[in-house]
């Protein structure tokens, strides 16, 4: 989050294109990374991210400061997420891995591939938002328009599923 994010948001709400451009530039790569990690090809991810940012500008008056700006953007991007997913993966560092120690032997990029193969879209999205984007449970729930209980249960089940898949591949 930029240090002056609240001021940029206020200026953008007052009609400052420059302020919104600064916000968009700060979040654009994160939106792209999220979309590509969800299996969207690069061209479609760029289109979806652009659409999300255009809609963010268009509906900026509806932004609620109770939520992080990034949470609001992810919520918009999720609506733009194409339904078809490809076999794409993203590399993450070891500290961003969402499963327990049994998975440490598996490369992290393969872990996200496994998530795409073995989890439904909503579960994979929740996992990515929580662990790759480090959103709180509350923010993930808001971005996905789900309850916090759903997010917690989904994350628990996803971790368990991935742990079981990893254990089977290690035997």
N, C-alpha and C. Protein backbone atom coordinates (compact mmCIF):
# COMPACT_ATOMS: atom_id res chain seq x y z
N UNK A 1 0.86 -1.16 0.00
CA UNK A 1 0.00 0.00 0.00
C UNK A 1 0.91 1.23 0.00
N UNK A 2 0.64 2.17 -0.89
CA UNK A 2 1.41 3.42 -0.88
C UNK A 2 1.17 4.17 0.43
N UNK A 3 2.21 4.84 0.92
CA UNK A 3 2.09 5.58 2.18
C UNK A 3 0.96 6.60 2.14
N UNK A 4 0.75 7.19 1.00
CA UNK A 4 -0.26 8.24 0.87
C UNK A 4 -1.55 7.73 0.22
N UNK A 5 -1.83 6.42 0.36
CA UNK A 5 -3.00 5.84 -0.30
C UNK A 5 -4.31 6.53 0.06
N UNK A 6 -4.59 6.80 1.34
CA UNK A 6 -5.85 7.48 1.65
C UNK A 6 -5.98 8.84 0.95
N UNK A 7 -4.88 9.57 0.87
CA UNK A 7 -4.91 10.88 0.18
C UNK A 7 -5.12 10.69 -1.32
N UNK A 8 -4.49 9.67 -1.89
CA UNK A 8 -4.67 9.41 -3.32
C UNK A 8 -6.12 9.02 -3.62
N UNK A 9 -6.69 8.20 -2.76
CA UNK A 9 -8.08 7.78 -2.95
C UNK A 9 -9.01 8.98 -2.86
N UNK A 10 -8.78 9.82 -1.85
CA UNK A 10 -9.62 11.02 -1.70
C UNK A 10 -9.50 11.93 -2.91
N UNK A 11 -8.27 12.12 -3.39
CA UNK A 11 -8.07 12.97 -4.57
C UNK A 11 -8.73 12.35 -5.80
N UNK A 12 -8.60 11.03 -5.94
CA UNK A 12 -9.22 10.35 -7.08
C UNK A 12 -10.74 10.46 -7.01
N UNK A 13 -11.30 10.33 -5.81
CA UNK A 13 -12.75 10.49 -5.65
C UNK A 13 -13.21 11.90 -6.03
N UNK A 14 -12.29 12.87 -5.83
CA UNK A 14 -12.60 14.25 -6.21
C UNK A 14 -12.36 14.51 -7.69
N UNK A 15 -11.96 13.46 -8.43
CA UNK A 15 -11.81 13.59 -9.87
C UNK A 15 -10.39 13.66 -10.39
N UNK A 16 -9.39 13.46 -9.54
CA UNK A 16 -7.99 13.54 -9.98
C UNK A 16 -7.58 12.26 -10.73
N UNK A 17 -7.38 12.42 -12.03
CA UNK A 17 -6.91 11.30 -12.85
C UNK A 17 -5.50 10.90 -12.44
N UNK A 18 -4.67 11.87 -12.12
CA UNK A 18 -3.27 11.59 -11.73
C UNK A 18 -3.22 10.73 -10.47
N UNK A 19 -4.06 11.05 -9.49
CA UNK A 19 -4.08 10.28 -8.25
C UNK A 19 -4.52 8.84 -8.53
N UNK A 20 -5.55 8.68 -9.35
CA UNK A 20 -6.00 7.33 -9.65
C UNK A 20 -4.94 6.57 -10.44
N UNK A 21 -4.25 7.24 -11.34
CA UNK A 21 -3.18 6.59 -12.11
C UNK A 21 -2.09 6.06 -11.18
N UNK A 22 -1.77 6.80 -10.14
CA UNK A 22 -0.77 6.33 -9.18
C UNK A 22 -1.26 5.06 -8.48
N UNK A 23 -2.53 5.06 -8.10
CA UNK A 23 -3.09 3.86 -7.47
C UNK A 23 -3.08 2.68 -8.44
N UNK A 24 -3.50 2.94 -9.67
CA UNK A 24 -3.55 1.88 -10.68
C UNK A 24 -2.17 1.31 -10.95
N UNK A 25 -1.18 2.17 -11.05
CA UNK A 25 0.19 1.71 -11.30
C UNK A 25 0.71 0.86 -10.14
N UNK A 26 0.32 1.23 -8.93
CA UNK A 26 0.76 0.47 -7.77
C UNK A 26 0.15 -0.94 -7.74
N UNK A 27 -1.10 -1.07 -8.13
CA UNK A 27 -1.80 -2.36 -8.01
C UNK A 27 -1.86 -3.17 -9.29
N UNK A 28 -1.50 -2.62 -10.43
CA UNK A 28 -1.65 -3.30 -11.71
C UNK A 28 -0.90 -4.64 -11.74
N UNK A 29 0.36 -4.65 -11.34
CA UNK A 29 1.14 -5.89 -11.39
C UNK A 29 0.59 -6.96 -10.46
N UNK A 30 0.11 -6.54 -9.30
CA UNK A 30 -0.49 -7.51 -8.37
C UNK A 30 -1.75 -8.11 -8.97
N UNK A 31 -2.57 -7.30 -9.63
CA UNK A 31 -3.77 -7.82 -10.28
C UNK A 31 -3.39 -8.81 -11.39
N UNK A 32 -2.40 -8.45 -12.18
CA UNK A 32 -1.95 -9.34 -13.25
C UNK A 32 -1.44 -10.66 -12.69
N UNK A 33 -0.63 -10.59 -11.65
CA UNK A 33 -0.09 -11.79 -11.04
C UNK A 33 -1.21 -12.69 -10.53
N UNK A 34 -2.20 -12.09 -9.90
CA UNK A 34 -3.35 -12.84 -9.40
C UNK A 34 -4.08 -13.54 -10.55
N UNK A 35 -4.36 -12.82 -11.62
CA UNK A 35 -5.10 -13.38 -12.74
C UNK A 35 -4.31 -14.48 -13.45
N UNK A 36 -3.03 -14.25 -13.67
CA UNK A 36 -2.20 -15.26 -14.33
C UNK A 36 -2.10 -16.51 -13.45
N UNK A 37 -1.99 -16.31 -12.14
CA UNK A 37 -1.93 -17.46 -11.23
C UNK A 37 -3.22 -18.27 -11.25
N UNK A 38 -4.31 -17.64 -11.60
CA UNK A 38 -5.59 -18.34 -11.68
C UNK A 38 -5.73 -19.08 -13.01
N UNK A 39 -4.68 -19.06 -13.83
CA UNK A 39 -4.72 -19.82 -15.08
C UNK A 39 -5.17 -19.03 -16.28
N UNK A 40 -5.29 -17.73 -16.13
CA UNK A 40 -5.69 -16.88 -17.25
C UNK A 40 -4.44 -16.58 -18.06
N UNK A 41 -4.51 -16.70 -19.40
CA UNK A 41 -3.33 -16.40 -20.19
C UNK A 41 -3.00 -14.91 -20.08
N UNK A 42 -1.78 -14.57 -20.39
CA UNK A 42 -1.27 -13.20 -20.15
C UNK A 42 -2.14 -12.14 -20.84
N UNK A 43 -2.53 -12.37 -22.08
CA UNK A 43 -3.32 -11.37 -22.81
C UNK A 43 -4.69 -11.18 -22.15
N UNK A 44 -5.35 -12.28 -21.79
CA UNK A 44 -6.65 -12.17 -21.13
C UNK A 44 -6.52 -11.55 -19.74
N UNK A 45 -5.42 -11.88 -19.04
CA UNK A 45 -5.18 -11.29 -17.72
C UNK A 45 -5.01 -9.77 -17.83
N UNK A 46 -4.27 -9.34 -18.84
CA UNK A 46 -4.09 -7.90 -19.04
C UNK A 46 -5.42 -7.22 -19.33
N UNK A 47 -6.25 -7.86 -20.15
CA UNK A 47 -7.58 -7.31 -20.45
C UNK A 47 -8.44 -7.25 -19.19
N UNK A 48 -8.44 -8.33 -18.42
CA UNK A 48 -9.26 -8.38 -17.20
C UNK A 48 -8.77 -7.36 -16.18
N UNK A 49 -7.46 -7.21 -16.04
CA UNK A 49 -6.91 -6.22 -15.11
C UNK A 49 -7.28 -4.81 -15.56
N UNK A 50 -7.17 -4.57 -16.85
CA UNK A 50 -7.54 -3.25 -17.38
C UNK A 50 -9.02 -2.97 -17.14
N UNK A 51 -9.86 -3.96 -17.41
CA UNK A 51 -11.30 -3.81 -17.16
C UNK A 51 -11.57 -3.53 -15.68
N UNK A 52 -10.87 -4.25 -14.81
CA UNK A 52 -11.06 -4.04 -13.37
C UNK A 52 -10.67 -2.62 -12.97
N UNK A 53 -9.57 -2.12 -13.50
CA UNK A 53 -9.13 -0.77 -13.17
C UNK A 53 -10.07 0.29 -13.74
N UNK A 54 -10.56 0.05 -14.94
CA UNK A 54 -11.55 0.99 -15.53
C UNK A 54 -12.81 1.02 -14.67
N UNK A 55 -13.27 -0.16 -14.27
CA UNK A 55 -14.46 -0.21 -13.41
C UNK A 55 -14.19 0.40 -12.04
N UNK A 56 -12.98 0.24 -11.54
CA UNK A 56 -12.63 0.87 -10.26
C UNK A 56 -12.74 2.39 -10.39
N UNK A 57 -12.24 2.93 -11.48
CA UNK A 57 -12.35 4.38 -11.70
C UNK A 57 -13.83 4.78 -11.82
N UNK A 58 -14.56 4.02 -12.60
CA UNK A 58 -15.97 4.33 -12.85
C UNK A 58 -16.80 4.31 -11.56
N UNK A 59 -16.50 3.35 -10.68
CA UNK A 59 -17.31 3.18 -9.47
C UNK A 59 -16.57 3.58 -8.20
N UNK A 60 -15.56 4.43 -8.34
CA UNK A 60 -14.75 4.83 -7.19
C UNK A 60 -15.59 5.44 -6.08
N UNK A 61 -16.66 6.10 -6.43
CA UNK A 61 -17.53 6.71 -5.40
C UNK A 61 -18.12 5.65 -4.47
N UNK A 62 -18.21 4.40 -4.94
CA UNK A 62 -18.79 3.34 -4.12
C UNK A 62 -17.75 2.66 -3.22
N UNK A 63 -16.48 3.03 -3.36
CA UNK A 63 -15.44 2.42 -2.53
C UNK A 63 -15.69 2.77 -1.06
N UNK A 64 -15.63 1.76 -0.21
CA UNK A 64 -15.85 1.91 1.22
C UNK A 64 -14.51 1.82 1.93
N UNK A 65 -14.09 2.87 2.58
CA UNK A 65 -12.78 2.95 3.22
C UNK A 65 -12.60 1.97 4.39
N UNK A 66 -13.67 1.27 4.78
CA UNK A 66 -13.52 0.24 5.82
C UNK A 66 -12.64 -0.90 5.32
N UNK A 67 -12.55 -1.06 4.01
CA UNK A 67 -11.79 -2.15 3.40
C UNK A 67 -10.54 -1.59 2.75
N UNK A 68 -9.53 -2.43 2.66
CA UNK A 68 -8.34 -2.01 1.93
C UNK A 68 -8.71 -1.81 0.47
N UNK A 69 -8.06 -0.86 -0.15
CA UNK A 69 -8.31 -0.60 -1.57
C UNK A 69 -8.01 -1.84 -2.40
N UNK A 70 -6.95 -2.57 -2.03
CA UNK A 70 -6.59 -3.78 -2.77
C UNK A 70 -7.70 -4.83 -2.70
N UNK A 71 -8.35 -4.95 -1.56
CA UNK A 71 -9.45 -5.90 -1.41
C UNK A 71 -10.57 -5.57 -2.38
N UNK A 72 -10.89 -4.30 -2.47
CA UNK A 72 -11.93 -3.84 -3.38
C UNK A 72 -11.55 -4.14 -4.83
N UNK A 73 -10.27 -3.92 -5.19
CA UNK A 73 -9.82 -4.20 -6.56
C UNK A 73 -9.90 -5.69 -6.88
N UNK A 74 -9.51 -6.53 -5.92
CA UNK A 74 -9.59 -7.98 -6.16
C UNK A 74 -11.03 -8.42 -6.35
N UNK A 75 -11.92 -7.81 -5.63
CA UNK A 75 -13.34 -8.15 -5.78
C UNK A 75 -13.81 -7.82 -7.19
N UNK A 76 -13.39 -6.68 -7.70
CA UNK A 76 -13.74 -6.29 -9.08
C UNK A 76 -13.08 -7.25 -10.06
N UNK A 77 -11.81 -7.56 -9.86
CA UNK A 77 -11.07 -8.45 -10.76
C UNK A 77 -11.69 -9.84 -10.79
N UNK A 78 -12.15 -10.33 -9.64
CA UNK A 78 -12.78 -11.65 -9.61
C UNK A 78 -14.02 -11.69 -10.50
N UNK A 79 -14.71 -10.59 -10.58
CA UNK A 79 -15.89 -10.54 -11.46
C UNK A 79 -15.48 -10.59 -12.93
N UNK A 80 -14.27 -10.14 -13.23
CA UNK A 80 -13.78 -10.11 -14.61
C UNK A 80 -13.01 -11.37 -14.98
N UNK A 81 -12.80 -12.25 -14.02
CA UNK A 81 -12.00 -13.44 -14.24
C UNK A 81 -12.67 -14.35 -15.24
N UNK A 82 -12.00 -14.62 -16.36
CA UNK A 82 -12.59 -15.55 -17.34
C UNK A 82 -12.77 -16.93 -16.71
N UNK A 83 -13.78 -17.63 -17.11
CA UNK A 83 -14.09 -18.93 -16.53
C UNK A 83 -13.09 -20.01 -16.96
N UNK A 84 -12.59 -19.91 -18.18
CA UNK A 84 -11.66 -20.95 -18.65
C UNK A 84 -10.29 -20.73 -18.03
N UNK A 85 -9.73 -21.81 -17.49
CA UNK A 85 -8.40 -21.73 -16.89
C UNK A 85 -7.44 -22.59 -17.68
N UNK A 86 -6.23 -22.09 -17.84
CA UNK A 86 -5.18 -22.84 -18.54
C UNK A 86 -4.26 -23.47 -17.51
N UNK A 87 -3.32 -24.24 -17.95
CA UNK A 87 -2.35 -24.88 -17.05
C UNK A 87 -1.17 -23.96 -16.81
N UNK A 88 -1.42 -22.82 -16.26
CA UNK A 88 -0.38 -21.84 -15.97
C UNK A 88 -0.01 -21.94 -14.50
N UNK A 89 1.21 -21.55 -14.16
CA UNK A 89 1.60 -21.54 -12.76
C UNK A 89 2.43 -20.32 -12.46
N UNK A 90 2.60 -20.05 -11.18
CA UNK A 90 3.34 -18.89 -10.71
C UNK A 90 4.34 -19.35 -9.68
N UNK A 91 5.54 -18.80 -9.73
CA UNK A 91 6.54 -19.13 -8.71
C UNK A 91 6.36 -18.22 -7.51
N UNK A 92 6.42 -18.80 -6.33
CA UNK A 92 6.36 -18.05 -5.09
C UNK A 92 7.53 -18.46 -4.22
N UNK A 93 7.87 -17.62 -3.28
CA UNK A 93 8.94 -17.96 -2.36
C UNK A 93 8.44 -18.93 -1.31
N UNK A 94 9.33 -19.56 -0.61
CA UNK A 94 8.98 -20.57 0.39
C UNK A 94 8.10 -20.05 1.49
N UNK A 95 8.24 -18.77 1.91
CA UNK A 95 7.41 -18.28 3.02
C UNK A 95 5.95 -18.09 2.62
N UNK A 96 5.66 -18.14 1.34
CA UNK A 96 4.29 -17.92 0.91
C UNK A 96 3.53 -19.23 0.73
N UNK A 97 4.15 -20.35 1.06
CA UNK A 97 3.50 -21.63 0.86
C UNK A 97 2.40 -21.86 1.88
N UNK A 98 1.22 -22.26 1.43
CA UNK A 98 0.09 -22.40 2.32
C UNK A 98 -0.11 -23.77 2.96
N UNK A 99 0.72 -24.74 2.70
CA UNK A 99 0.48 -26.06 3.27
C UNK A 99 1.58 -26.42 4.25
N UNK A 100 1.36 -27.48 5.02
CA UNK A 100 2.28 -27.82 6.09
C UNK A 100 3.60 -28.41 5.60
N UNK A 101 4.45 -28.83 6.53
CA UNK A 101 5.82 -29.25 6.24
C UNK A 101 5.95 -30.37 5.22
N UNK A 102 4.94 -31.22 5.08
CA UNK A 102 5.03 -32.34 4.14
C UNK A 102 5.23 -31.85 2.72
N UNK A 103 4.80 -30.64 2.43
CA UNK A 103 4.88 -30.11 1.07
C UNK A 103 6.19 -29.42 0.76
N UNK A 104 7.06 -29.28 1.75
CA UNK A 104 8.29 -28.52 1.54
C UNK A 104 9.16 -29.12 0.44
N UNK A 105 9.04 -30.43 0.19
CA UNK A 105 9.86 -31.08 -0.83
C UNK A 105 9.37 -30.76 -2.25
N UNK A 106 8.16 -30.28 -2.38
CA UNK A 106 7.60 -29.95 -3.68
C UNK A 106 7.92 -28.50 -3.99
N UNK A 107 8.32 -28.20 -5.23
CA UNK A 107 8.59 -26.83 -5.61
C UNK A 107 7.33 -26.00 -5.49
N UNK A 108 7.49 -24.76 -5.09
CA UNK A 108 6.34 -23.90 -4.83
C UNK A 108 5.50 -23.67 -6.07
N UNK A 109 6.13 -23.48 -7.21
CA UNK A 109 5.33 -23.26 -8.41
C UNK A 109 4.47 -24.47 -8.72
N UNK A 110 4.97 -25.67 -8.44
CA UNK A 110 4.17 -26.87 -8.63
C UNK A 110 3.00 -26.92 -7.66
N UNK A 111 3.17 -26.34 -6.49
CA UNK A 111 2.10 -26.31 -5.52
C UNK A 111 0.89 -25.54 -6.07
N UNK A 112 1.16 -24.40 -6.69
CA UNK A 112 0.05 -23.62 -7.27
C UNK A 112 -0.57 -24.37 -8.45
N UNK A 113 0.25 -25.12 -9.19
CA UNK A 113 -0.28 -25.96 -10.26
C UNK A 113 -1.21 -27.02 -9.67
N UNK A 114 -0.76 -27.65 -8.58
CA UNK A 114 -1.59 -28.65 -7.90
C UNK A 114 -2.89 -28.03 -7.40
N UNK A 115 -2.82 -26.82 -6.88
CA UNK A 115 -4.03 -26.14 -6.41
C UNK A 115 -5.01 -25.97 -7.56
N UNK A 116 -4.52 -25.57 -8.72
CA UNK A 116 -5.40 -25.40 -9.88
C UNK A 116 -6.00 -26.72 -10.34
N UNK A 117 -5.23 -27.80 -10.20
CA UNK A 117 -5.71 -29.11 -10.65
C UNK A 117 -6.68 -29.77 -9.68
N UNK A 118 -6.50 -29.53 -8.38
CA UNK A 118 -7.24 -30.30 -7.37
C UNK A 118 -8.27 -29.51 -6.58
N UNK A 119 -8.32 -28.19 -6.80
CA UNK A 119 -9.30 -27.37 -6.07
C UNK A 119 -10.24 -26.70 -7.06
N UNK A 120 -11.44 -26.39 -6.59
CA UNK A 120 -12.33 -25.64 -7.47
C UNK A 120 -11.86 -24.19 -7.55
N UNK A 121 -12.42 -23.43 -8.47
CA UNK A 121 -11.97 -22.05 -8.70
C UNK A 121 -12.05 -21.19 -7.44
N UNK A 122 -13.16 -21.29 -6.72
CA UNK A 122 -13.32 -20.46 -5.52
C UNK A 122 -12.27 -20.79 -4.46
N UNK A 123 -12.03 -22.07 -4.25
CA UNK A 123 -11.05 -22.48 -3.24
C UNK A 123 -9.65 -22.03 -3.65
N UNK A 124 -9.31 -22.18 -4.92
CA UNK A 124 -7.99 -21.75 -5.40
C UNK A 124 -7.85 -20.23 -5.29
N UNK A 125 -8.91 -19.50 -5.61
CA UNK A 125 -8.87 -18.04 -5.48
C UNK A 125 -8.68 -17.62 -4.02
N UNK A 126 -9.40 -18.26 -3.12
CA UNK A 126 -9.27 -17.93 -1.70
C UNK A 126 -7.85 -18.22 -1.21
N UNK A 127 -7.31 -19.34 -1.62
CA UNK A 127 -5.95 -19.72 -1.24
C UNK A 127 -4.94 -18.68 -1.73
N UNK A 128 -5.09 -18.27 -2.98
CA UNK A 128 -4.17 -17.28 -3.55
C UNK A 128 -4.28 -15.94 -2.82
N UNK A 129 -5.50 -15.47 -2.63
CA UNK A 129 -5.68 -14.17 -1.98
C UNK A 129 -5.12 -14.18 -0.56
N UNK A 130 -5.30 -15.29 0.15
CA UNK A 130 -4.82 -15.37 1.54
C UNK A 130 -3.31 -15.49 1.62
N UNK A 131 -2.72 -16.37 0.83
CA UNK A 131 -1.30 -16.67 1.01
C UNK A 131 -0.37 -15.94 0.04
N UNK A 132 -0.78 -15.72 -1.18
CA UNK A 132 0.10 -15.01 -2.11
C UNK A 132 -0.06 -13.50 -1.98
N UNK A 133 -1.28 -13.06 -1.75
CA UNK A 133 -1.55 -11.62 -1.62
C UNK A 133 -1.63 -11.17 -0.17
N UNK A 134 -1.56 -12.10 0.74
CA UNK A 134 -1.57 -11.87 2.19
C UNK A 134 -2.74 -11.01 2.68
N UNK A 135 -3.90 -11.24 2.09
CA UNK A 135 -5.10 -10.57 2.58
C UNK A 135 -5.55 -11.30 3.85
N UNK A 136 -6.19 -10.58 4.74
CA UNK A 136 -6.73 -11.20 5.95
C UNK A 136 -7.95 -12.05 5.56
N UNK A 137 -8.38 -12.90 6.48
CA UNK A 137 -9.57 -13.72 6.26
C UNK A 137 -10.76 -12.81 5.94
N UNK A 138 -10.89 -11.74 6.70
CA UNK A 138 -11.99 -10.79 6.50
C UNK A 138 -11.93 -10.16 5.11
N UNK A 139 -10.72 -9.82 4.66
CA UNK A 139 -10.56 -9.19 3.34
C UNK A 139 -10.83 -10.19 2.22
N UNK A 140 -10.39 -11.43 2.40
CA UNK A 140 -10.68 -12.46 1.40
C UNK A 140 -12.19 -12.66 1.29
N UNK A 141 -12.85 -12.74 2.43
CA UNK A 141 -14.30 -12.92 2.45
C UNK A 141 -14.99 -11.76 1.72
N UNK A 142 -14.54 -10.56 1.99
CA UNK A 142 -15.15 -9.40 1.33
C UNK A 142 -14.88 -9.42 -0.18
N UNK A 143 -13.64 -9.71 -0.57
CA UNK A 143 -13.29 -9.73 -1.99
C UNK A 143 -14.08 -10.79 -2.75
N UNK A 144 -14.33 -11.92 -2.09
CA UNK A 144 -15.02 -13.03 -2.75
C UNK A 144 -16.53 -13.03 -2.50
N UNK A 145 -17.00 -12.08 -1.71
CA UNK A 145 -18.41 -12.00 -1.35
C UNK A 145 -18.89 -13.31 -0.71
N UNK A 146 -18.08 -13.78 0.24
CA UNK A 146 -18.38 -14.99 1.00
C UNK A 146 -18.27 -14.65 2.48
N UNK A 147 -18.73 -15.55 3.32
CA UNK A 147 -18.61 -15.32 4.76
C UNK A 147 -17.19 -15.66 5.20
N UNK A 148 -16.81 -15.12 6.35
CA UNK A 148 -15.50 -15.45 6.90
C UNK A 148 -15.42 -16.94 7.25
N UNK A 149 -16.53 -17.49 7.71
CA UNK A 149 -16.57 -18.92 8.02
C UNK A 149 -16.29 -19.74 6.76
N UNK A 150 -16.89 -19.36 5.64
CA UNK A 150 -16.66 -20.07 4.38
C UNK A 150 -15.18 -20.02 4.02
N UNK A 151 -14.56 -18.84 4.16
CA UNK A 151 -13.14 -18.70 3.82
C UNK A 151 -12.29 -19.60 4.71
N UNK A 152 -12.55 -19.58 6.02
CA UNK A 152 -11.77 -20.41 6.94
C UNK A 152 -11.90 -21.89 6.60
N UNK A 153 -13.12 -22.34 6.38
CA UNK A 153 -13.35 -23.75 6.07
C UNK A 153 -12.72 -24.10 4.72
N UNK A 154 -12.88 -23.23 3.74
CA UNK A 154 -12.30 -23.47 2.42
C UNK A 154 -10.78 -23.56 2.48
N UNK A 155 -10.16 -22.66 3.23
CA UNK A 155 -8.70 -22.69 3.36
C UNK A 155 -8.25 -23.97 4.07
N UNK A 156 -8.96 -24.35 5.13
CA UNK A 156 -8.61 -25.56 5.86
C UNK A 156 -8.72 -26.79 4.94
N UNK A 157 -9.81 -26.90 4.22
CA UNK A 157 -10.01 -28.03 3.32
C UNK A 157 -8.98 -28.03 2.19
N UNK A 158 -8.68 -26.84 1.67
CA UNK A 158 -7.69 -26.73 0.59
C UNK A 158 -6.31 -27.16 1.06
N UNK A 159 -5.92 -26.70 2.24
CA UNK A 159 -4.62 -27.11 2.78
C UNK A 159 -4.56 -28.62 2.98
N UNK A 160 -5.65 -29.17 3.52
CA UNK A 160 -5.70 -30.62 3.74
C UNK A 160 -5.63 -31.37 2.41
N UNK A 161 -6.39 -30.93 1.43
CA UNK A 161 -6.38 -31.58 0.11
C UNK A 161 -4.99 -31.52 -0.50
N UNK A 162 -4.37 -30.36 -0.48
CA UNK A 162 -3.04 -30.22 -1.06
C UNK A 162 -2.01 -31.04 -0.29
N UNK A 163 -2.13 -31.09 1.00
CA UNK A 163 -1.22 -31.89 1.81
C UNK A 163 -1.33 -33.37 1.43
N UNK A 164 -2.56 -33.85 1.25
CA UNK A 164 -2.77 -35.25 0.87
C UNK A 164 -2.21 -35.53 -0.52
N UNK A 165 -2.41 -34.60 -1.44
CA UNK A 165 -1.88 -34.76 -2.80
C UNK A 165 -0.36 -34.81 -2.76
N UNK A 166 0.24 -33.92 -2.01
CA UNK A 166 1.70 -33.87 -1.89
C UNK A 166 2.23 -35.16 -1.28
N UNK A 167 1.58 -35.62 -0.22
CA UNK A 167 2.02 -36.87 0.43
C UNK A 167 1.95 -38.04 -0.54
N UNK A 168 0.89 -38.11 -1.36
CA UNK A 168 0.77 -39.20 -2.35
C UNK A 168 1.89 -39.12 -3.38
N UNK A 169 2.28 -37.91 -3.77
CA UNK A 169 3.31 -37.77 -4.79
C UNK A 169 4.70 -38.07 -4.24
N UNK A 170 4.84 -37.99 -2.91
CA UNK A 170 6.14 -38.24 -2.29
C UNK A 170 6.38 -39.72 -2.04
N UNK A 171 5.33 -40.52 -2.08
CA UNK A 171 5.45 -41.98 -1.79
C UNK A 171 5.95 -42.70 -3.01
